[in-house]
């Protein structure tokens, strides 16, 4: 039963995560396109390093996705239904913890990779 709940909550998080990530990337690229182009052309920054900076949007997109997913679950009284069937809030948060750990590890690795290249 716990695997089914984790899949269900994960399926609630992923679409919102992808949508918020793409919107964030679009906003960043739309507002900073000129300075990003200047970095690449004028100062010789590799395109991989610029793409690596997008990784820092992952925690914000994850936060938005988790909040929106649990708001929808709460609005549809699914959280109450799960709690009344004996599922605690900590059991519902296990996919969130796994996703957050993965993104924090990914951001840390990218941070050290980008900082190592720059320094």
N, C-alpha and C. Protein backbone atom coordinates (compact mmCIF):
# COMPACT_ATOMS: atom_id res chain seq x y z
N UNK A 1 0.82 -1.19 0.00
CA UNK A 1 0.00 0.00 0.00
C UNK A 1 0.87 1.26 0.00
N UNK A 2 2.01 1.21 0.71
CA UNK A 2 2.87 2.37 0.79
C UNK A 2 3.47 2.70 -0.58
N UNK A 3 3.80 1.69 -1.37
CA UNK A 3 4.34 1.93 -2.71
C UNK A 3 3.29 2.59 -3.60
N UNK A 4 2.05 2.19 -3.47
CA UNK A 4 0.97 2.79 -4.25
C UNK A 4 0.80 4.27 -3.89
N UNK A 5 0.87 4.58 -2.60
CA UNK A 5 0.74 5.96 -2.16
C UNK A 5 1.92 6.79 -2.65
N UNK A 6 3.13 6.22 -2.59
CA UNK A 6 4.31 6.94 -3.07
C UNK A 6 4.21 7.22 -4.57
N UNK A 7 3.74 6.25 -5.34
CA UNK A 7 3.57 6.47 -6.78
C UNK A 7 2.51 7.55 -7.04
N UNK A 8 1.44 7.52 -6.28
CA UNK A 8 0.36 8.48 -6.47
C UNK A 8 0.84 9.90 -6.17
N UNK A 9 1.53 10.07 -5.07
CA UNK A 9 2.04 11.40 -4.71
C UNK A 9 3.12 11.83 -5.68
N UNK A 10 3.96 10.90 -6.11
CA UNK A 10 4.98 11.22 -7.11
C UNK A 10 4.37 11.65 -8.43
N UNK A 11 3.28 11.01 -8.82
CA UNK A 11 2.60 11.41 -10.05
C UNK A 11 1.90 12.75 -9.92
N UNK A 12 1.61 13.17 -8.70
CA UNK A 12 1.06 14.51 -8.48
C UNK A 12 2.15 15.57 -8.55
N UNK A 13 3.37 15.21 -8.18
CA UNK A 13 4.46 16.17 -8.11
C UNK A 13 5.10 16.42 -9.47
N UNK A 14 5.33 15.38 -10.27
CA UNK A 14 6.11 15.50 -11.50
C UNK A 14 5.56 16.49 -12.52
N UNK A 15 4.28 16.48 -12.86
CA UNK A 15 3.82 17.45 -13.87
C UNK A 15 4.01 18.91 -13.44
N UNK A 16 3.72 19.19 -12.18
CA UNK A 16 3.90 20.55 -11.68
C UNK A 16 5.38 20.91 -11.62
N UNK A 17 6.21 19.95 -11.27
CA UNK A 17 7.66 20.19 -11.24
C UNK A 17 8.18 20.56 -12.62
N UNK A 18 7.81 19.78 -13.62
CA UNK A 18 8.28 20.05 -14.98
C UNK A 18 7.76 21.38 -15.50
N UNK A 19 6.50 21.68 -15.23
CA UNK A 19 5.93 22.95 -15.69
C UNK A 19 6.62 24.14 -15.02
N UNK A 20 6.83 24.07 -13.72
CA UNK A 20 7.49 25.19 -13.03
C UNK A 20 8.94 25.31 -13.43
N UNK A 21 9.61 24.19 -13.72
CA UNK A 21 11.00 24.24 -14.17
C UNK A 21 11.10 24.90 -15.54
N UNK A 22 10.23 24.52 -16.47
CA UNK A 22 10.27 25.11 -17.80
C UNK A 22 9.90 26.59 -17.78
N UNK A 23 8.94 26.97 -16.96
CA UNK A 23 8.57 28.38 -16.85
C UNK A 23 9.73 29.18 -16.24
N UNK A 24 10.38 28.64 -15.23
CA UNK A 24 11.52 29.32 -14.61
C UNK A 24 12.66 29.49 -15.59
N UNK A 25 12.96 28.43 -16.35
CA UNK A 25 14.03 28.51 -17.35
C UNK A 25 13.69 29.56 -18.40
N UNK A 26 12.45 29.58 -18.84
CA UNK A 26 12.03 30.56 -19.84
C UNK A 26 12.18 31.98 -19.31
N UNK A 27 11.77 32.22 -18.08
CA UNK A 27 11.87 33.56 -17.50
C UNK A 27 13.33 33.98 -17.37
N UNK A 28 14.17 33.08 -16.89
CA UNK A 28 15.59 33.40 -16.74
C UNK A 28 16.21 33.68 -18.10
N UNK A 29 15.94 32.84 -19.08
CA UNK A 29 16.52 33.04 -20.41
C UNK A 29 15.99 34.31 -21.07
N UNK A 30 14.72 34.60 -20.87
CA UNK A 30 14.14 35.79 -21.50
C UNK A 30 14.71 37.07 -20.90
N UNK A 31 14.99 37.07 -19.62
CA UNK A 31 15.47 38.29 -18.98
C UNK A 31 16.98 38.45 -19.06
N UNK A 32 17.73 37.35 -19.16
CA UNK A 32 19.19 37.42 -19.12
C UNK A 32 19.86 36.98 -20.42
N UNK A 33 19.12 36.92 -21.51
CA UNK A 33 19.69 36.41 -22.76
C UNK A 33 20.89 37.22 -23.23
N UNK A 34 20.82 38.53 -23.12
CA UNK A 34 21.91 39.37 -23.59
C UNK A 34 23.18 39.16 -22.76
N UNK A 35 23.05 39.10 -21.45
CA UNK A 35 24.23 38.90 -20.61
C UNK A 35 24.79 37.48 -20.75
N UNK A 36 23.92 36.49 -20.96
CA UNK A 36 24.40 35.13 -21.18
C UNK A 36 25.16 35.04 -22.49
N UNK A 37 24.65 35.69 -23.53
CA UNK A 37 25.35 35.70 -24.81
C UNK A 37 26.70 36.40 -24.69
N UNK A 38 26.74 37.49 -23.92
CA UNK A 38 28.01 38.20 -23.70
C UNK A 38 29.01 37.32 -22.95
N UNK A 39 28.53 36.55 -21.98
CA UNK A 39 29.42 35.64 -21.26
C UNK A 39 30.03 34.59 -22.19
N UNK A 40 29.20 34.04 -23.05
CA UNK A 40 29.65 32.97 -23.93
C UNK A 40 30.60 33.51 -25.00
N UNK A 41 30.21 34.60 -25.65
CA UNK A 41 30.98 35.12 -26.78
C UNK A 41 32.17 35.95 -26.31
N UNK A 42 31.92 36.87 -25.39
CA UNK A 42 32.96 37.82 -25.01
C UNK A 42 33.99 37.28 -24.04
N UNK A 43 33.56 36.50 -23.07
CA UNK A 43 34.48 36.08 -22.02
C UNK A 43 34.88 34.62 -22.13
N UNK A 44 34.39 33.91 -23.11
CA UNK A 44 34.82 32.54 -23.35
C UNK A 44 34.29 31.51 -22.36
N UNK A 45 33.16 31.79 -21.76
CA UNK A 45 32.55 30.82 -20.84
C UNK A 45 31.96 29.69 -21.67
N UNK A 46 32.18 28.47 -21.23
CA UNK A 46 31.66 27.31 -21.97
C UNK A 46 30.15 27.23 -21.80
N UNK A 47 29.50 26.74 -22.84
CA UNK A 47 28.04 26.61 -22.80
C UNK A 47 27.61 25.63 -21.71
N UNK A 48 28.42 24.62 -21.43
CA UNK A 48 28.11 23.66 -20.37
C UNK A 48 28.02 24.31 -19.01
N UNK A 49 28.86 25.32 -18.78
CA UNK A 49 28.80 26.02 -17.49
C UNK A 49 27.53 26.85 -17.37
N UNK A 50 27.10 27.44 -18.47
CA UNK A 50 25.86 28.22 -18.46
C UNK A 50 24.67 27.29 -18.23
N UNK A 51 24.68 26.14 -18.89
CA UNK A 51 23.61 25.16 -18.70
C UNK A 51 23.64 24.62 -17.27
N UNK A 52 24.84 24.48 -16.72
CA UNK A 52 24.97 24.02 -15.33
C UNK A 52 24.34 24.97 -14.33
N UNK A 53 24.25 26.24 -14.68
CA UNK A 53 23.62 27.21 -13.77
C UNK A 53 22.11 26.99 -13.67
N UNK A 54 21.54 26.36 -14.68
CA UNK A 54 20.10 26.07 -14.66
C UNK A 54 19.77 25.07 -13.56
N UNK A 55 20.77 24.28 -13.15
CA UNK A 55 20.56 23.28 -12.10
C UNK A 55 20.11 23.94 -10.80
N UNK A 56 20.47 25.20 -10.61
CA UNK A 56 20.09 25.88 -9.38
C UNK A 56 18.60 26.22 -9.34
N UNK A 57 17.89 26.02 -10.43
CA UNK A 57 16.44 26.21 -10.43
C UNK A 57 15.70 24.97 -9.91
N UNK A 58 16.39 23.84 -9.82
CA UNK A 58 15.74 22.60 -9.40
C UNK A 58 15.14 22.68 -7.99
N UNK A 59 15.84 23.22 -6.99
CA UNK A 59 15.19 23.29 -5.66
C UNK A 59 13.94 24.16 -5.64
N UNK A 60 13.97 25.27 -6.37
CA UNK A 60 12.79 26.14 -6.39
C UNK A 60 11.62 25.45 -7.09
N UNK A 61 11.90 24.77 -8.19
CA UNK A 61 10.85 24.05 -8.91
C UNK A 61 10.30 22.91 -8.05
N UNK A 62 11.17 22.26 -7.29
CA UNK A 62 10.71 21.19 -6.40
C UNK A 62 9.80 21.74 -5.31
N UNK A 63 10.18 22.87 -4.74
CA UNK A 63 9.35 23.48 -3.70
C UNK A 63 7.98 23.84 -4.24
N UNK A 64 7.94 24.46 -5.40
CA UNK A 64 6.66 24.82 -6.01
C UNK A 64 5.82 23.58 -6.27
N UNK A 65 6.43 22.54 -6.81
CA UNK A 65 5.70 21.32 -7.15
C UNK A 65 5.14 20.64 -5.91
N UNK A 66 5.93 20.56 -4.85
CA UNK A 66 5.46 19.89 -3.63
C UNK A 66 4.32 20.67 -2.99
N UNK A 67 4.45 21.99 -2.93
CA UNK A 67 3.40 22.80 -2.32
C UNK A 67 2.11 22.70 -3.12
N UNK A 68 2.21 22.80 -4.45
CA UNK A 68 1.00 22.72 -5.28
C UNK A 68 0.37 21.33 -5.20
N UNK A 69 1.19 20.28 -5.19
CA UNK A 69 0.65 18.92 -5.12
C UNK A 69 -0.08 18.68 -3.81
N UNK A 70 0.51 19.09 -2.69
CA UNK A 70 -0.15 18.87 -1.41
C UNK A 70 -1.34 19.81 -1.21
N UNK A 71 -1.31 20.99 -1.82
CA UNK A 71 -2.51 21.84 -1.79
C UNK A 71 -3.67 21.20 -2.53
N UNK A 72 -3.36 20.59 -3.69
CA UNK A 72 -4.42 19.91 -4.44
C UNK A 72 -4.93 18.70 -3.67
N UNK A 73 -4.02 17.92 -3.08
CA UNK A 73 -4.45 16.77 -2.28
C UNK A 73 -5.30 17.22 -1.10
N UNK A 74 -4.93 18.33 -0.49
CA UNK A 74 -5.68 18.83 0.65
C UNK A 74 -7.04 19.39 0.21
N UNK A 75 -7.08 20.06 -0.92
CA UNK A 75 -8.35 20.63 -1.40
C UNK A 75 -9.34 19.54 -1.77
N UNK A 76 -8.85 18.41 -2.25
CA UNK A 76 -9.73 17.30 -2.60
C UNK A 76 -9.98 16.35 -1.42
N UNK A 77 -9.53 16.73 -0.24
CA UNK A 77 -9.67 15.94 1.00
C UNK A 77 -9.01 14.57 0.91
N UNK A 78 -8.01 14.45 0.05
CA UNK A 78 -7.30 13.18 -0.06
C UNK A 78 -6.34 12.98 1.10
N UNK A 79 -5.81 14.07 1.65
CA UNK A 79 -4.94 13.95 2.82
C UNK A 79 -5.74 13.42 3.99
N UNK A 80 -6.96 13.93 4.17
CA UNK A 80 -7.82 13.45 5.26
C UNK A 80 -8.17 11.98 5.05
N UNK A 81 -8.46 11.60 3.82
CA UNK A 81 -8.79 10.20 3.52
C UNK A 81 -7.60 9.28 3.80
N UNK A 82 -6.41 9.72 3.44
CA UNK A 82 -5.23 8.90 3.72
C UNK A 82 -4.97 8.80 5.21
N UNK A 83 -5.13 9.90 5.93
CA UNK A 83 -4.91 9.86 7.37
C UNK A 83 -5.96 9.01 8.08
N UNK A 84 -7.18 9.04 7.60
CA UNK A 84 -8.21 8.22 8.23
C UNK A 84 -8.03 6.74 7.93
N UNK A 85 -7.29 6.43 6.86
CA UNK A 85 -7.02 5.02 6.58
C UNK A 85 -5.73 4.54 7.24
N UNK A 86 -5.12 5.40 8.06
CA UNK A 86 -3.97 4.96 8.84
C UNK A 86 -2.62 5.37 8.28
N UNK A 87 -2.60 6.20 7.27
CA UNK A 87 -1.33 6.65 6.69
C UNK A 87 -0.95 7.97 7.36
N UNK A 88 0.24 8.01 7.93
CA UNK A 88 0.67 9.23 8.60
C UNK A 88 1.23 10.22 7.59
N UNK A 89 1.39 11.45 8.05
CA UNK A 89 1.94 12.49 7.19
C UNK A 89 3.38 12.17 6.80
N UNK A 90 4.12 11.54 7.71
CA UNK A 90 5.50 11.17 7.41
C UNK A 90 5.58 10.13 6.30
N UNK A 91 4.63 9.24 6.23
CA UNK A 91 4.60 8.26 5.14
C UNK A 91 4.26 8.93 3.82
N UNK A 92 3.45 9.98 3.86
CA UNK A 92 3.12 10.70 2.63
C UNK A 92 4.29 11.53 2.13
N UNK A 93 5.19 11.92 3.03
CA UNK A 93 6.30 12.77 2.65
C UNK A 93 7.53 12.00 2.17
N UNK A 94 7.50 10.68 2.17
CA UNK A 94 8.69 9.94 1.76
C UNK A 94 9.10 10.20 0.31
N UNK A 95 8.18 10.32 -0.68
CA UNK A 95 8.67 10.67 -2.02
C UNK A 95 9.26 12.08 -2.08
N UNK A 96 8.75 12.98 -1.26
CA UNK A 96 9.28 14.34 -1.22
C UNK A 96 10.70 14.35 -0.67
N UNK A 97 10.95 13.56 0.37
CA UNK A 97 12.28 13.49 0.97
C UNK A 97 13.27 12.89 -0.02
N UNK A 98 12.87 11.84 -0.72
CA UNK A 98 13.75 11.22 -1.71
C UNK A 98 14.06 12.20 -2.83
N UNK A 99 13.06 12.88 -3.34
CA UNK A 99 13.27 13.85 -4.42
C UNK A 99 14.15 15.00 -3.95
N UNK A 100 13.93 15.49 -2.75
CA UNK A 100 14.74 16.59 -2.22
C UNK A 100 16.18 16.17 -2.02
N UNK A 101 16.40 14.97 -1.54
CA UNK A 101 17.77 14.47 -1.36
C UNK A 101 18.48 14.35 -2.70
N UNK A 102 17.77 13.85 -3.72
CA UNK A 102 18.36 13.70 -5.04
C UNK A 102 18.76 15.06 -5.62
N UNK A 103 17.86 16.05 -5.50
CA UNK A 103 18.17 17.36 -6.06
C UNK A 103 19.27 18.06 -5.28
N UNK A 104 19.31 17.89 -3.97
CA UNK A 104 20.39 18.52 -3.20
C UNK A 104 21.74 17.91 -3.54
N UNK A 105 21.78 16.60 -3.75
CA UNK A 105 23.01 15.94 -4.17
C UNK A 105 23.43 16.42 -5.55
N UNK A 106 22.46 16.52 -6.45
CA UNK A 106 22.74 16.98 -7.81
C UNK A 106 23.24 18.43 -7.81
N UNK A 107 22.62 19.29 -7.03
CA UNK A 107 23.05 20.69 -6.98
C UNK A 107 24.43 20.81 -6.36
N UNK A 108 24.72 20.03 -5.34
CA UNK A 108 26.05 20.08 -4.73
C UNK A 108 27.12 19.62 -5.71
N UNK A 109 26.86 18.55 -6.44
CA UNK A 109 27.84 18.08 -7.42
C UNK A 109 28.06 19.11 -8.52
N UNK A 110 26.99 19.72 -9.00
CA UNK A 110 27.13 20.75 -10.03
C UNK A 110 27.83 21.98 -9.49
N UNK A 111 27.58 22.34 -8.25
CA UNK A 111 28.25 23.49 -7.64
C UNK A 111 29.75 23.26 -7.59
N UNK A 112 30.17 22.09 -7.13
CA UNK A 112 31.59 21.81 -7.05
C UNK A 112 32.22 21.68 -8.43
N UNK A 113 31.46 21.18 -9.41
CA UNK A 113 31.98 21.07 -10.76
C UNK A 113 32.16 22.45 -11.38
N UNK A 114 31.16 23.33 -11.23
CA UNK A 114 31.24 24.68 -11.80
C UNK A 114 32.30 25.49 -11.08
N UNK A 115 32.35 25.40 -9.75
CA UNK A 115 33.34 26.15 -8.98
C UNK A 115 34.75 25.65 -9.30
N UNK A 116 34.90 24.36 -9.50
CA UNK A 116 36.20 23.80 -9.83
C UNK A 116 36.68 24.28 -11.18
N UNK A 117 35.78 24.41 -12.15
CA UNK A 117 36.14 24.89 -13.48
C UNK A 117 36.49 26.38 -13.45
N UNK A 118 35.78 27.13 -12.60
CA UNK A 118 35.99 28.58 -12.59
C UNK A 118 37.26 28.96 -11.82
N UNK A 119 37.60 28.18 -10.80
CA UNK A 119 38.72 28.55 -9.94
C UNK A 119 40.01 27.96 -10.28
